[in-house]
Amino acid sequence: MSTTVDDALWSAIGDPIRRTMIDLLLSGGPGTATSLSERLPVTRQAVAKHLAVLDRVGLIHATPAGRERHYRVDEAQLARAVAQLSAVGATWDARLRRIKRIAEAIERNRNDNRGD
């Protein structure tokens, strides 16, 4: 099974601050860099940079509102990320099952040879 992984998407999701930002936007609805920075242990400028990364990979979208921009999660893009993660997880589960079968066969072979 071959799974195509969007490295830019996973690089963006890989940062714990950005994952928290996604959680905040999902639970609280659209937010601004200012409103998010009030709930995170980083500056507003850092939040703006993180938002730019998330926007670049399409996980969030901004809507201008006066001097601020309101960010919301793109749920379709998030669903794509979840699907990728599920596919990668299924691939690794299959690999681990094969490794387990090989290890069990080696162990059975050792035990059979000791009985001689």
N, C-alpha and C. Protein backbone atom coordinates (compact mmCIF):
# COMPACT_ATOMS: atom_id res chain seq x y z
N MET A 1 0.85 -1.18 0.00
CA MET A 1 0.00 0.00 0.00
C MET A 1 0.89 1.23 0.00
N SER A 2 0.66 2.09 -0.95
CA SER A 2 1.45 3.32 -1.04
C SER A 2 0.56 4.50 -0.67
N THR A 3 1.08 5.36 0.18
CA THR A 3 0.31 6.51 0.62
C THR A 3 1.08 7.77 0.27
N THR A 4 0.41 8.70 -0.39
CA THR A 4 1.03 9.98 -0.71
C THR A 4 0.84 10.89 0.49
N VAL A 5 1.94 11.42 0.98
CA VAL A 5 1.90 12.29 2.14
C VAL A 5 2.32 13.69 1.72
N ASP A 6 1.54 14.67 2.13
CA ASP A 6 1.83 16.06 1.84
C ASP A 6 2.78 16.57 2.93
N ASP A 7 4.08 16.60 2.62
CA ASP A 7 5.09 16.97 3.61
C ASP A 7 4.90 18.37 4.16
N ALA A 8 4.51 19.32 3.30
CA ALA A 8 4.30 20.70 3.77
C ALA A 8 3.15 20.74 4.78
N LEU A 9 2.10 20.00 4.50
CA LEU A 9 0.96 19.94 5.42
C LEU A 9 1.38 19.37 6.76
N TRP A 10 2.12 18.26 6.73
CA TRP A 10 2.52 17.63 7.99
C TRP A 10 3.59 18.41 8.73
N SER A 11 4.41 19.13 7.99
CA SER A 11 5.37 20.01 8.64
C SER A 11 4.63 21.10 9.41
N ALA A 12 3.58 21.64 8.78
CA ALA A 12 2.78 22.69 9.45
C ALA A 12 2.08 22.14 10.68
N ILE A 13 1.53 20.96 10.58
CA ILE A 13 0.81 20.34 11.70
C ILE A 13 1.77 19.87 12.79
N GLY A 14 3.02 19.65 12.40
CA GLY A 14 4.00 19.10 13.34
C GLY A 14 4.34 20.01 14.50
N ASP A 15 4.06 21.28 14.39
CA ASP A 15 4.39 22.22 15.46
C ASP A 15 3.28 22.25 16.51
N PRO A 16 3.62 22.07 17.80
CA PRO A 16 2.59 22.03 18.85
C PRO A 16 1.79 23.32 18.99
N ILE A 17 2.41 24.46 18.75
CA ILE A 17 1.67 25.73 18.83
C ILE A 17 0.62 25.78 17.72
N ARG A 18 1.01 25.35 16.53
CA ARG A 18 0.05 25.38 15.42
C ARG A 18 -1.09 24.39 15.65
N ARG A 19 -0.78 23.22 16.23
CA ARG A 19 -1.86 22.27 16.55
C ARG A 19 -2.82 22.88 17.57
N THR A 20 -2.27 23.57 18.55
CA THR A 20 -3.12 24.23 19.56
C THR A 20 -3.97 25.31 18.90
N MET A 21 -3.38 26.04 17.97
CA MET A 21 -4.13 27.08 17.27
C MET A 21 -5.31 26.47 16.50
N ILE A 22 -5.06 25.36 15.84
CA ILE A 22 -6.14 24.67 15.12
C ILE A 22 -7.23 24.25 16.10
N ASP A 23 -6.83 23.69 17.24
CA ASP A 23 -7.80 23.30 18.27
C ASP A 23 -8.63 24.49 18.73
N LEU A 24 -7.96 25.61 18.98
CA LEU A 24 -8.67 26.81 19.44
C LEU A 24 -9.66 27.31 18.39
N LEU A 25 -9.25 27.29 17.14
CA LEU A 25 -10.14 27.75 16.07
C LEU A 25 -11.31 26.78 15.86
N LEU A 26 -11.05 25.49 16.04
CA LEU A 26 -12.14 24.52 15.91
C LEU A 26 -13.13 24.63 17.05
N SER A 27 -12.62 24.83 18.25
CA SER A 27 -13.52 24.86 19.41
C SER A 27 -14.20 26.22 19.60
N GLY A 28 -13.50 27.30 19.22
CA GLY A 28 -14.05 28.63 19.48
C GLY A 28 -14.53 29.38 18.25
N GLY A 29 -14.38 28.77 17.09
CA GLY A 29 -14.76 29.47 15.87
C GLY A 29 -13.67 30.40 15.40
N PRO A 30 -13.97 31.22 14.39
CA PRO A 30 -12.95 32.11 13.83
C PRO A 30 -12.28 32.98 14.90
N GLY A 31 -11.00 33.24 14.69
CA GLY A 31 -10.24 34.07 15.63
C GLY A 31 -9.24 34.93 14.90
N THR A 32 -8.71 35.90 15.59
CA THR A 32 -7.70 36.79 15.04
C THR A 32 -6.35 36.46 15.67
N ALA A 33 -5.29 37.01 15.10
CA ALA A 33 -3.96 36.81 15.69
C ALA A 33 -3.95 37.34 17.12
N THR A 34 -4.63 38.45 17.35
CA THR A 34 -4.68 39.03 18.70
C THR A 34 -5.43 38.12 19.66
N SER A 35 -6.61 37.64 19.26
CA SER A 35 -7.39 36.80 20.17
C SER A 35 -6.69 35.48 20.45
N LEU A 36 -6.00 34.94 19.44
CA LEU A 36 -5.27 33.69 19.66
C LEU A 36 -4.05 33.91 20.55
N SER A 37 -3.36 35.03 20.36
CA SER A 37 -2.16 35.28 21.17
C SER A 37 -2.50 35.43 22.65
N GLU A 38 -3.72 35.86 22.94
CA GLU A 38 -4.15 35.98 24.34
C GLU A 38 -4.31 34.61 25.00
N ARG A 39 -4.41 33.57 24.20
CA ARG A 39 -4.64 32.22 24.72
C ARG A 39 -3.45 31.30 24.53
N LEU A 40 -2.35 31.86 24.02
CA LEU A 40 -1.16 31.06 23.74
C LEU A 40 0.06 31.67 24.41
N PRO A 41 1.08 30.83 24.68
CA PRO A 41 2.28 31.34 25.36
C PRO A 41 3.30 31.96 24.42
N VAL A 42 2.81 32.59 23.33
CA VAL A 42 3.72 33.24 22.37
C VAL A 42 3.17 34.62 22.03
N THR A 43 4.01 35.44 21.44
CA THR A 43 3.61 36.81 21.11
C THR A 43 2.63 36.82 19.93
N ARG A 44 2.00 37.97 19.75
CA ARG A 44 1.10 38.14 18.62
C ARG A 44 1.86 37.98 17.31
N GLN A 45 3.09 38.49 17.25
CA GLN A 45 3.89 38.37 16.04
C GLN A 45 4.19 36.90 15.73
N ALA A 46 4.48 36.13 16.76
CA ALA A 46 4.73 34.69 16.55
C ALA A 46 3.45 34.00 16.07
N VAL A 47 2.31 34.37 16.66
CA VAL A 47 1.03 33.81 16.23
C VAL A 47 0.79 34.14 14.75
N ALA A 48 1.07 35.37 14.35
CA ALA A 48 0.88 35.77 12.95
C ALA A 48 1.74 34.92 12.02
N LYS A 49 2.96 34.63 12.42
CA LYS A 49 3.83 33.78 11.59
C LYS A 49 3.30 32.36 11.51
N HIS A 50 2.83 31.83 12.63
CA HIS A 50 2.24 30.48 12.63
C HIS A 50 0.98 30.44 11.76
N LEU A 51 0.17 31.49 11.84
CA LEU A 51 -1.04 31.55 11.02
C LEU A 51 -0.68 31.58 9.54
N ALA A 52 0.39 32.27 9.18
CA ALA A 52 0.83 32.32 7.79
C ALA A 52 1.22 30.93 7.29
N VAL A 53 1.87 30.15 8.13
CA VAL A 53 2.25 28.78 7.75
C VAL A 53 0.99 27.94 7.52
N LEU A 54 0.05 28.01 8.45
CA LEU A 54 -1.19 27.25 8.33
C LEU A 54 -2.00 27.69 7.11
N ASP A 55 -1.98 28.97 6.82
CA ASP A 55 -2.69 29.50 5.66
C ASP A 55 -2.04 29.02 4.36
N ARG A 56 -0.72 29.01 4.34
CA ARG A 56 0.02 28.60 3.14
C ARG A 56 -0.31 27.17 2.74
N VAL A 57 -0.53 26.27 3.70
CA VAL A 57 -0.85 24.87 3.38
C VAL A 57 -2.35 24.63 3.27
N GLY A 58 -3.14 25.70 3.47
CA GLY A 58 -4.58 25.60 3.28
C GLY A 58 -5.37 25.09 4.46
N LEU A 59 -4.73 24.95 5.62
CA LEU A 59 -5.46 24.47 6.80
C LEU A 59 -6.39 25.52 7.38
N ILE A 60 -6.05 26.78 7.15
CA ILE A 60 -6.91 27.86 7.61
C ILE A 60 -7.07 28.86 6.48
N HIS A 61 -8.09 29.69 6.59
CA HIS A 61 -8.32 30.76 5.63
C HIS A 61 -8.64 32.03 6.40
N ALA A 62 -8.22 33.15 5.85
CA ALA A 62 -8.43 34.45 6.50
C ALA A 62 -9.48 35.24 5.75
N THR A 63 -10.27 35.95 6.53
CA THR A 63 -11.24 36.89 5.98
C THR A 63 -10.92 38.26 6.57
N PRO A 64 -10.63 39.26 5.72
CA PRO A 64 -10.34 40.60 6.24
C PRO A 64 -11.57 41.18 6.95
N ALA A 65 -11.32 41.83 8.08
CA ALA A 65 -12.38 42.51 8.83
C ALA A 65 -11.76 43.76 9.46
N GLY A 66 -11.83 44.87 8.75
CA GLY A 66 -11.18 46.08 9.24
C GLY A 66 -9.68 45.90 9.23
N ARG A 67 -9.06 46.20 10.37
CA ARG A 67 -7.61 46.08 10.48
C ARG A 67 -7.16 44.67 10.83
N GLU A 68 -8.10 43.82 11.17
CA GLU A 68 -7.78 42.44 11.56
C GLU A 68 -8.14 41.47 10.44
N ARG A 69 -7.69 40.27 10.59
CA ARG A 69 -8.07 39.17 9.71
C ARG A 69 -8.64 38.08 10.62
N HIS A 70 -9.79 37.56 10.25
CA HIS A 70 -10.42 36.48 11.00
C HIS A 70 -10.06 35.15 10.33
N TYR A 71 -9.48 34.26 11.13
CA TYR A 71 -9.03 32.97 10.61
C TYR A 71 -10.02 31.89 11.02
N ARG A 72 -10.25 30.96 10.08
CA ARG A 72 -11.09 29.81 10.36
C ARG A 72 -10.41 28.58 9.76
N VAL A 73 -10.71 27.43 10.33
CA VAL A 73 -10.13 26.17 9.86
C VAL A 73 -10.86 25.74 8.59
N ASP A 74 -10.10 25.29 7.62
CA ASP A 74 -10.68 24.69 6.42
C ASP A 74 -10.88 23.21 6.74
N GLU A 75 -12.12 22.86 7.05
CA GLU A 75 -12.40 21.51 7.51
C GLU A 75 -12.15 20.45 6.44
N ALA A 76 -12.29 20.80 5.17
CA ALA A 76 -12.00 19.84 4.11
C ALA A 76 -10.51 19.51 4.08
N GLN A 77 -9.67 20.54 4.24
CA GLN A 77 -8.22 20.32 4.25
C GLN A 77 -7.82 19.54 5.51
N LEU A 78 -8.46 19.83 6.62
CA LEU A 78 -8.18 19.09 7.85
C LEU A 78 -8.60 17.63 7.68
N ALA A 79 -9.72 17.39 7.03
CA ALA A 79 -10.17 16.02 6.77
C ALA A 79 -9.17 15.29 5.88
N ARG A 80 -8.58 16.02 4.92
CA ARG A 80 -7.55 15.42 4.06
C ARG A 80 -6.34 15.02 4.88
N ALA A 81 -5.96 15.86 5.84
CA ALA A 81 -4.84 15.53 6.71
C ALA A 81 -5.15 14.30 7.57
N VAL A 82 -6.36 14.24 8.08
CA VAL A 82 -6.77 13.09 8.89
C VAL A 82 -6.75 11.81 8.04
N ALA A 83 -7.24 11.91 6.80
CA ALA A 83 -7.24 10.75 5.90
C ALA A 83 -5.81 10.28 5.63
N GLN A 84 -4.90 11.24 5.42
CA GLN A 84 -3.50 10.87 5.20
C GLN A 84 -2.94 10.16 6.42
N LEU A 85 -3.21 10.70 7.59
CA LEU A 85 -2.71 10.09 8.81
C LEU A 85 -3.28 8.69 9.00
N SER A 86 -4.54 8.51 8.71
CA SER A 86 -5.17 7.19 8.82
C SER A 86 -4.52 6.20 7.85
N ALA A 87 -4.27 6.66 6.61
CA ALA A 87 -3.65 5.79 5.62
C ALA A 87 -2.22 5.41 6.04
N VAL A 88 -1.47 6.38 6.53
CA VAL A 88 -0.11 6.10 6.99
C VAL A 88 -0.16 5.13 8.18
N GLY A 89 -1.10 5.35 9.09
CA GLY A 89 -1.26 4.46 10.24
C GLY A 89 -1.60 3.04 9.81
N ALA A 90 -2.49 2.89 8.83
CA ALA A 90 -2.85 1.56 8.34
C ALA A 90 -1.65 0.87 7.69
N THR A 91 -0.86 1.65 6.95
CA THR A 91 0.34 1.08 6.33
C THR A 91 1.31 0.57 7.39
N TRP A 92 1.53 1.37 8.43
CA TRP A 92 2.44 0.95 9.49
C TRP A 92 1.88 -0.20 10.30
N ASP A 93 0.57 -0.23 10.52
CA ASP A 93 -0.04 -1.38 11.20
C ASP A 93 0.24 -2.67 10.43
N ALA A 94 0.08 -2.62 9.10
CA ALA A 94 0.34 -3.80 8.26
C ALA A 94 1.81 -4.20 8.35
N ARG A 95 2.71 -3.22 8.31
CA ARG A 95 4.14 -3.52 8.43
C ARG A 95 4.46 -4.17 9.77
N LEU A 96 3.89 -3.63 10.83
CA LEU A 96 4.15 -4.18 12.16
C LEU A 96 3.59 -5.59 12.31
N ARG A 97 2.44 -5.88 11.68
CA ARG A 97 1.90 -7.25 11.71
C ARG A 97 2.85 -8.20 11.00
N ARG A 98 3.40 -7.77 9.86
CA ARG A 98 4.36 -8.63 9.14
C ARG A 98 5.62 -8.86 9.98
N ILE A 99 6.12 -7.83 10.62
CA ILE A 99 7.31 -7.98 11.48
C ILE A 99 7.01 -8.94 12.62
N LYS A 100 5.83 -8.83 13.21
CA LYS A 100 5.45 -9.72 14.31
C LYS A 100 5.41 -11.16 13.82
N ARG A 101 4.82 -11.40 12.63
CA ARG A 101 4.76 -12.77 12.11
C ARG A 101 6.16 -13.32 11.87
N ILE A 102 7.05 -12.51 11.33
CA ILE A 102 8.43 -12.95 11.10
C ILE A 102 9.11 -13.28 12.42
N ALA A 103 8.96 -12.39 13.41
CA ALA A 103 9.58 -12.62 14.72
C ALA A 103 9.03 -13.89 15.36
N GLU A 104 7.73 -14.11 15.24
CA GLU A 104 7.13 -15.33 15.81
C GLU A 104 7.63 -16.57 15.10
N ALA A 105 7.81 -16.50 13.77
CA ALA A 105 8.34 -17.64 13.01
C ALA A 105 9.77 -17.94 13.41
N ILE A 106 10.57 -16.90 13.61
CA ILE A 106 11.96 -17.09 14.05
C ILE A 106 11.98 -17.75 15.43
N GLU A 107 11.12 -17.28 16.32
CA GLU A 107 11.06 -17.84 17.68
C GLU A 107 10.62 -19.31 17.64
N ARG A 108 9.61 -19.62 16.81
CA ARG A 108 9.16 -21.03 16.70
C ARG A 108 10.29 -21.90 16.16
N ASN A 109 11.02 -21.37 15.17
CA ASN A 109 12.13 -22.11 14.58
C ASN A 109 13.21 -22.39 15.62
N ARG A 110 13.52 -21.38 16.43
CA ARG A 110 14.52 -21.58 17.51
C ARG A 110 14.05 -22.65 18.49
N ASN A 111 12.79 -22.57 18.89
CA ASN A 111 12.25 -23.55 19.84
C ASN A 111 12.23 -24.95 19.25
N ASP A 112 11.91 -25.08 17.95
CA ASP A 112 11.91 -26.39 17.29
C ASP A 112 13.30 -26.96 17.25
N ASN A 113 14.32 -26.10 17.00
CA ASN A 113 15.70 -26.57 16.91
C ASN A 113 16.26 -26.95 18.28
N ARG A 114 15.75 -26.39 19.35
CA ARG A 114 16.23 -26.73 20.70
C ARG A 114 15.72 -28.11 21.12
N GLY A 115 14.63 -28.52 20.55
CA GLY A 115 14.03 -29.80 20.92
C GLY A 115 14.77 -30.99 20.38
N ASP A 116 15.74 -30.76 19.52
CA ASP A 116 16.50 -31.88 18.90
C ASP A 116 17.44 -32.51 19.85
